[in-house]
PDB file of all heavy atoms in Angstrom:
ATOM      1  N   GLN A   1      82.147  96.195 118.901  1.00  0.00           N
ATOM      2  CA  GLN A   1      82.591  96.625 117.520  1.00  0.00           C
ATOM      3  C   GLN A   1      81.615  96.199 116.510  1.00  0.00           C
ATOM      4  O   GLN A   1      81.041  96.968 115.756  1.00  0.00           O
ATOM      5  CB  GLN A   1      83.901  96.099 117.241  1.00  0.00           C
ATOM      6  CG  GLN A   1      84.096  94.563 117.212  1.00  0.00           C
ATOM      7  CD  GLN A   1      85.345  94.087 116.702  1.00  0.00           C
ATOM      8  OE1 GLN A   1      86.327  94.440 117.259  1.00  0.00           O
ATOM      9  NE2 GLN A   1      85.355  93.216 115.732  1.00  0.00           N
ATOM     10  N   ARG A   2      81.246  94.893 116.455  1.00  0.00           N
ATOM     11  CA  ARG A   2      80.399  94.422 115.354  1.00  0.00           C
ATOM     12  C   ARG A   2      79.659  93.159 115.734  1.00  0.00           C
ATOM     13  O   ARG A   2      80.290  92.376 116.499  1.00  0.00           O
ATOM     14  CB  ARG A   2      81.160  94.200 114.037  1.00  0.00           C
ATOM     15  CG  ARG A   2      81.775  95.435 113.506  1.00  0.00           C
ATOM     16  CD  ARG A   2      82.491  95.160 112.180  1.00  0.00           C
ATOM     17  NE  ARG A   2      83.235  96.357 111.771  1.00  0.00           N
ATOM     18  CZ  ARG A   2      82.734  97.381 111.032  1.00  0.00           C
ATOM     19  NH1 ARG A   2      81.474  97.365 110.731  1.00  0.00           N
ATOM     20  NH2 ARG A   2      83.462  98.441 110.749  1.00  0.00           N
ATOM     21  N   PRO A   3      78.476  92.879 115.243  1.00  0.00           N
ATOM     22  CA  PRO A   3      77.897  91.521 115.421  1.00  0.00           C
ATOM     23  C   PRO A   3      78.468  90.627 114.450  1.00  0.00           C
ATOM     24  O   PRO A   3      79.026  91.064 113.401  1.00  0.00           O
ATOM     25  CB  PRO A   3      76.422  91.791 115.143  1.00  0.00           C
ATOM     26  CG  PRO A   3      76.417  92.942 114.202  1.00  0.00           C
ATOM     27  CD  PRO A   3      77.630  93.804 114.636  1.00  0.00           C
ATOM     28  N   PRO A   4      78.184  89.302 114.508  1.00  0.00           N
ATOM     29  CA  PRO A   4      77.484  88.636 115.602  1.00  0.00           C
ATOM     30  C   PRO A   4      78.433  88.512 116.816  1.00  0.00           C
ATOM     31  O   PRO A   4      79.557  88.707 116.728  1.00  0.00           O
ATOM     32  CB  PRO A   4      77.178  87.252 114.968  1.00  0.00           C
ATOM     33  CG  PRO A   4      78.142  87.044 113.984  1.00  0.00           C
ATOM     34  CD  PRO A   4      78.601  88.337 113.426  1.00  0.00           C
ATOM     35  N   GLY A   5      77.799  88.143 117.941  1.00  0.00           N
ATOM     36  CA  GLY A   5      78.494  87.969 119.122  1.00  0.00           C
ATOM     37  C   GLY A   5      78.855  86.623 119.627  1.00  0.00           C
ATOM     38  O   GLY A   5      78.867  86.374 120.842  1.00  0.00           O
ATOM     39  N   ASP A   6      79.124  85.738 118.672  1.00  0.00           N
ATOM     40  CA  ASP A   6      79.314  84.305 119.093  1.00  0.00           C
ATOM     41  C   ASP A   6      80.725  83.803 118.555  1.00  0.00           C
ATOM     42  O   ASP A   6      80.766  82.737 118.010  1.00  0.00           O
ATOM     43  CB  ASP A   6      78.213  83.396 118.621  1.00  0.00           C
ATOM     44  CG  ASP A   6      77.836  83.586 117.156  1.00  0.00           C
ATOM     45  OD1 ASP A   6      78.471  84.463 116.562  1.00  0.00           O
ATOM     46  OD2 ASP A   6      77.040  82.801 116.695  1.00  0.00           O
ATOM     47  N   GLY A   7      81.721  84.644 118.739  1.00  0.00           N
ATOM     48  CA  GLY A   7      83.069  84.200 118.419  1.00  0.00           C
ATOM     49  C   GLY A   7      83.681  84.824 117.151  1.00  0.00           C
ATOM     50  O   GLY A   7      82.925  85.163 116.278  1.00  0.00           O
ATOM     51  N   LEU A   8      84.992  84.794 117.144  1.00  0.00           N
ATOM     52  CA  LEU A   8      85.759  85.418 116.035  1.00  0.00           C
ATOM     53  C   LEU A   8      85.463  84.756 114.714  1.00  0.00           C
ATOM     54  O   LEU A   8      85.358  85.459 113.691  1.00  0.00           O
ATOM     55  CB  LEU A   8      87.224  85.397 116.317  1.00  0.00           C
ATOM     56  CG  LEU A   8      88.155  85.899 115.317  1.00  0.00           C
ATOM     57  CD1 LEU A   8      87.938  87.402 115.158  1.00  0.00           C
ATOM     58  CD2 LEU A   8      89.608  85.616 115.605  1.00  0.00           C
ATOM     59  N   LEU A   9      85.355  83.452 114.668  1.00  0.00           N
ATOM     60  CA  LEU A   9      85.146  82.804 113.344  1.00  0.00           C
ATOM     61  C   LEU A   9      83.853  83.100 112.733  1.00  0.00           C
ATOM     62  O   LEU A   9      83.758  83.398 111.502  1.00  0.00           O
ATOM     63  CB  LEU A   9      85.276  81.263 113.550  1.00  0.00           C
ATOM     64  CG  LEU A   9      86.662  80.653 113.717  1.00  0.00           C
ATOM     65  CD1 LEU A   9      86.619  79.165 113.702  1.00  0.00           C
ATOM     66  CD2 LEU A   9      87.688  81.190 112.671  1.00  0.00           C
ATOM     67  N   LYS A  10      82.762  83.225 113.559  1.00  0.00           N
ATOM     68  CA  LYS A  10      81.456  83.646 113.045  1.00  0.00           C
ATOM     69  C   LYS A  10      81.561  85.107 112.529  1.00  0.00           C
ATOM     70  O   LYS A  10      80.989  85.455 111.563  1.00  0.00           O
ATOM     71  CB  LYS A  10      80.398  83.511 114.100  1.00  0.00           C
ATOM     72  CG  LYS A  10      80.167  82.044 114.515  1.00  0.00           C
ATOM     73  CD  LYS A  10      79.479  81.315 113.339  1.00  0.00           C
ATOM     74  CE  LYS A  10      79.212  79.888 113.783  1.00  0.00           C
ATOM     75  NZ  LYS A  10      78.172  79.734 114.752  1.00  0.00           N
ATOM     76  N   ALA A  11      82.294  85.915 113.263  1.00  0.00           N
ATOM     77  CA  ALA A  11      82.464  87.332 112.844  1.00  0.00           C
ATOM     78  C   ALA A  11      83.238  87.422 111.481  1.00  0.00           C
ATOM     79  O   ALA A  11      82.888  88.113 110.573  1.00  0.00           O
ATOM     80  CB  ALA A  11      83.188  88.106 113.858  1.00  0.00           C
ATOM     81  N   MET A  12      84.192  86.494 111.316  1.00  0.00           N
ATOM     82  CA  MET A  12      85.008  86.469 110.060  1.00  0.00           C
ATOM     83  C   MET A  12      84.094  86.028 108.944  1.00  0.00           C
ATOM     84  O   MET A  12      84.226  86.505 107.747  1.00  0.00           O
ATOM     85  CB  MET A  12      86.299  85.653 110.231  1.00  0.00           C
ATOM     86  CG  MET A  12      87.267  86.298 111.222  1.00  0.00           C
ATOM     87  SD  MET A  12      88.727  85.309 111.498  1.00  0.00           S
ATOM     88  CE  MET A  12      89.529  85.334 110.007  1.00  0.00           C
ATOM     89  N   GLU A  13      83.355  84.999 109.225  1.00  0.00           N
ATOM     90  CA  GLU A  13      82.290  84.536 108.212  1.00  0.00           C
ATOM     91  C   GLU A  13      81.438  85.545 107.726  1.00  0.00           C
ATOM     92  O   GLU A  13      81.046  85.661 106.576  1.00  0.00           O
ATOM     93  CB  GLU A  13      81.546  83.316 108.707  1.00  0.00           C
ATOM     94  CG  GLU A  13      82.310  82.066 108.970  1.00  0.00           C
ATOM     95  CD  GLU A  13      81.609  80.980 109.644  1.00  0.00           C
ATOM     96  OE1 GLU A  13      80.389  81.190 109.792  1.00  0.00           O
ATOM     97  OE2 GLU A  13      82.198  79.910 109.967  1.00  0.00           O
ATOM     98  N   ALA A  14      80.993  86.457 108.636  1.00  0.00           N
ATOM     99  CA  ALA A  14      80.105  87.560 108.298  1.00  0.00           C
ATOM    100  C   ALA A  14      80.838  88.815 107.833  1.00  0.00           C
ATOM    101  O   ALA A  14      80.269  89.723 107.364  1.00  0.00           O
ATOM    102  CB  ALA A  14      79.251  87.938 109.604  1.00  0.00           C
ATOM    103  N   GLY A  15      82.180  88.774 107.805  1.00  0.00           N
ATOM    104  CA  GLY A  15      82.995  89.940 107.402  1.00  0.00           C
ATOM    105  C   GLY A  15      82.958  91.054 108.379  1.00  0.00           C
ATOM    106  O   GLY A  15      83.054  92.204 107.917  1.00  0.00           O
ATOM    107  N   THR A  16      82.628  90.776 109.663  1.00  0.00           N
ATOM    108  CA  THR A  16      82.441  91.930 110.586  1.00  0.00           C
ATOM    109  C   THR A  16      83.553  92.037 111.615  1.00  0.00           C
ATOM    110  O   THR A  16      83.385  92.831 112.577  1.00  0.00           O
ATOM    111  CB  THR A  16      81.141  91.799 111.368  1.00  0.00           C
ATOM    112  OG1 THR A  16      81.049  90.508 111.962  1.00  0.00           O
ATOM    113  CG2 THR A  16      79.954  91.886 110.322  1.00  0.00           C
ATOM    114  N   GLU A  17      84.618  91.182 111.545  1.00  0.00           N
ATOM    115  CA  GLU A  17      85.753  91.351 112.428  1.00  0.00           C
ATOM    116  C   GLU A  17      86.525  92.680 112.120  1.00  0.00           C
ATOM    117  O   GLU A  17      86.387  93.201 111.000  1.00  0.00           O
ATOM    118  CB  GLU A  17      86.703  90.174 112.376  1.00  0.00           C
ATOM    119  CG  GLU A  17      87.759  90.184 111.226  1.00  0.00           C
ATOM    120  CD  GLU A  17      87.185  89.862 109.852  1.00  0.00           C
ATOM    121  OE1 GLU A  17      85.934  89.736 109.660  1.00  0.00           O
ATOM    122  OE2 GLU A  17      88.038  89.763 109.006  1.00  0.00           O
ATOM    123  N   ARG A  18      87.236  93.151 113.064  1.00  0.00           N
ATOM    124  CA  ARG A  18      88.167  94.204 112.788  1.00  0.00           C
ATOM    125  C   ARG A  18      89.621  93.699 112.660  1.00  0.00           C
ATOM    126  O   ARG A  18      89.872  92.547 113.054  1.00  0.00           O
ATOM    127  CB  ARG A  18      88.186  95.237 113.946  1.00  0.00           C
ATOM    128  CG  ARG A  18      86.909  96.082 114.010  1.00  0.00           C
ATOM    129  CD  ARG A  18      87.065  97.170 115.082  1.00  0.00           C
ATOM    130  NE  ARG A  18      87.916  98.213 114.598  1.00  0.00           N
ATOM    131  CZ  ARG A  18      87.624  99.334 114.026  1.00  0.00           C
ATOM    132  NH1 ARG A  18      86.349  99.572 113.811  1.00  0.00           N
ATOM    133  NH2 ARG A  18      88.449 100.253 113.743  1.00  0.00           N
ATOM    134  N   ARG A  19      90.450  94.519 111.974  1.00  0.00           N
ATOM    135  CA  ARG A  19      91.820  94.014 111.783  1.00  0.00           C
ATOM    136  C   ARG A  19      92.792  95.126 112.072  1.00  0.00           C
ATOM    137  O   ARG A  19      92.385  96.352 111.904  1.00  0.00           O
ATOM    138  CB  ARG A  19      92.029  93.504 110.394  1.00  0.00           C
ATOM    139  CG  ARG A  19      91.292  92.187 110.033  1.00  0.00           C
ATOM    140  CD  ARG A  19      91.478  91.724 108.655  1.00  0.00           C
ATOM    141  NE  ARG A  19      90.905  90.382 108.463  1.00  0.00           N
ATOM    142  CZ  ARG A  19      91.483  89.221 108.713  1.00  0.00           C
ATOM    143  NH1 ARG A  19      92.802  89.159 109.010  1.00  0.00           N
ATOM    144  NH2 ARG A  19      90.807  88.046 108.559  1.00  0.00           N
ATOM    145  N   ILE A  20      94.014  94.862 112.470  1.00  0.00           N
ATOM    146  CA  ILE A  20      94.999  95.777 112.778  1.00  0.00           C
ATOM    147  C   ILE A  20      96.327  95.341 112.310  1.00  0.00           C
ATOM    148  O   ILE A  20      96.749  94.121 112.439  1.00  0.00           O
ATOM    149  CB  ILE A  20      95.086  96.161 114.319  1.00  0.00           C
ATOM    150  CG1 ILE A  20      96.094  97.288 114.631  1.00  0.00           C
ATOM    151  CG2 ILE A  20      95.387  94.955 115.175  1.00  0.00           C
ATOM    152  CD1 ILE A  20      95.943  97.831 116.023  1.00  0.00           C
ATOM    153  N   GLY A  21      97.089  96.152 111.541  1.00  0.00           N
ATOM    154  CA  GLY A  21      98.321  95.774 110.895  1.00  0.00           C
ATOM    155  C   GLY A  21      99.420  95.553 111.883  1.00  0.00           C
ATOM    156  O   GLY A  21      99.384  96.061 113.029  1.00  0.00           O
ATOM    157  N   ALA A  22     100.410  94.880 111.474  1.00  0.00           N
ATOM    158  CA  ALA A  22     101.637  94.665 112.311  1.00  0.00           C
ATOM    159  C   ALA A  22     102.282  95.986 112.715  1.00  0.00           C
ATOM    160  O   ALA A  22     102.381  96.900 111.925  1.00  0.00           O
ATOM    161  CB  ALA A  22     102.696  93.875 111.481  1.00  0.00           C
ATOM    162  N   GLY A  23     102.463  96.145 114.017  1.00  0.00           N
ATOM    163  CA  GLY A  23     103.083  97.377 114.582  1.00  0.00           C
ATOM    164  C   GLY A  23     102.215  98.512 114.611  1.00  0.00           C
ATOM    165  O   GLY A  23     102.554  99.617 115.183  1.00  0.00           O
ATOM    166  N   GLU A  24     100.926  98.405 114.221  1.00  0.00           N
ATOM    167  CA  GLU A  24      99.999  99.571 114.290  1.00  0.00           C
ATOM    168  C   GLU A  24      99.304  99.569 115.680  1.00  0.00           C
ATOM    169  O   GLU A  24      99.219  98.654 116.380  1.00  0.00           O
ATOM    170  CB  GLU A  24      98.862  99.391 113.247  1.00  0.00           C
ATOM    171  CG  GLU A  24      99.406  99.525 111.869  1.00  0.00           C
ATOM    172  CD  GLU A  24      98.332  99.444 110.801  1.00  0.00           C
ATOM    173  OE1 GLU A  24      97.171  99.104 111.146  1.00  0.00           O
ATOM    174  OE2 GLU A  24      98.608  99.732 109.586  1.00  0.00           O
ATOM    175  N   SER A  25      98.855 100.818 115.954  1.00  0.00           N
ATOM    176  CA  SER A  25      98.181 101.069 117.276  1.00  0.00           C
ATOM    177  C   SER A  25      96.789 101.824 116.972  1.00  0.00           C
ATOM    178  O   SER A  25      96.619 102.388 115.864  1.00  0.00           O
ATOM    179  CB  SER A  25      98.917 101.976 118.133  1.00  0.00           C
ATOM    180  OG  SER A  25     100.142 101.305 118.594  1.00  0.00           O
ATOM    181  N   LEU A  26      95.862 101.622 117.877  1.00  0.00           N
ATOM    182  CA  LEU A  26      94.541 102.347 117.822  1.00  0.00           C
ATOM    183  C   LEU A  26      94.257 102.809 119.202  1.00  0.00           C
ATOM    184  O   LEU A  26      94.330 102.173 120.240  1.00  0.00           O
ATOM    185  CB  LEU A  26      93.487 101.269 117.410  1.00  0.00           C
ATOM    186  CG  LEU A  26      91.986 101.777 117.450  1.00  0.00           C
ATOM    187  CD1 LEU A  26      91.850 102.892 116.381  1.00  0.00           C
ATOM    188  CD2 LEU A  26      91.072 100.572 117.255  1.00  0.00           C
ATOM    189  N   ASP A  27      93.930 104.110 119.238  1.00  0.00           N
ATOM    190  CA  ASP A  27      93.519 104.830 120.488  1.00  0.00           C
ATOM    191  C   ASP A  27      92.097 105.081 120.562  1.00  0.00           C
ATOM    192  O   ASP A  27      91.498 105.531 119.606  1.00  0.00           O
ATOM    193  CB  ASP A  27      94.257 106.188 120.536  1.00  0.00           C
ATOM    194  CG  ASP A  27      95.757 106.020 120.620  1.00  0.00           C
ATOM    195  OD1 ASP A  27      96.257 105.435 121.640  1.00  0.00           O
ATOM    196  OD2 ASP A  27      96.472 106.557 119.722  1.00  0.00           O
ATOM    197  N   VAL A  28      91.490 104.761 121.737  1.00  0.00           N
ATOM    198  CA  VAL A  28      90.076 104.938 122.005  1.00  0.00           C
ATOM    199  C   VAL A  28      89.864 105.668 123.344  1.00  0.00           C
ATOM    200  O   VAL A  28      90.781 105.588 124.239  1.00  0.00           O
ATOM    201  CB  VAL A  28      89.214 103.722 121.941  1.00  0.00           C
ATOM    202  CG1 VAL A  28      89.367 103.023 120.552  1.00  0.00           C
ATOM    203  CG2 VAL A  28      89.668 102.714 122.975  1.00  0.00           C
ATOM    204  N   GLU A  29      88.723 106.239 123.536  1.00  0.00           N
ATOM    205  CA  GLU A  29      88.471 106.937 124.830  1.00  0.00           C
ATOM    206  C   GLU A  29      86.993 106.665 125.227  1.00  0.00           C
ATOM    207  O   GLU A  29      86.142 106.834 124.460  1.00  0.00           O
ATOM    208  CB  GLU A  29      88.684 108.470 124.692  1.00  0.00           C
ATOM    209  CG  GLU A  29      88.454 109.230 125.927  1.00  0.00           C
ATOM    210  CD  GLU A  29      88.890 110.671 125.773  1.00  0.00           C
ATOM    211  OE1 GLU A  29      90.083 110.887 125.522  1.00  0.00           O
ATOM    212  OE2 GLU A  29      87.963 111.530 125.819  1.00  0.00           O
TER     213      GLU A  29
END
């Protein structure tokens, strides 16, 4: 999904994590 690739906290510091709301779904293929 997004860099960097060294853990969720580093991704959150960089603002590159993804988020999904309560009860929401995401479909991929």
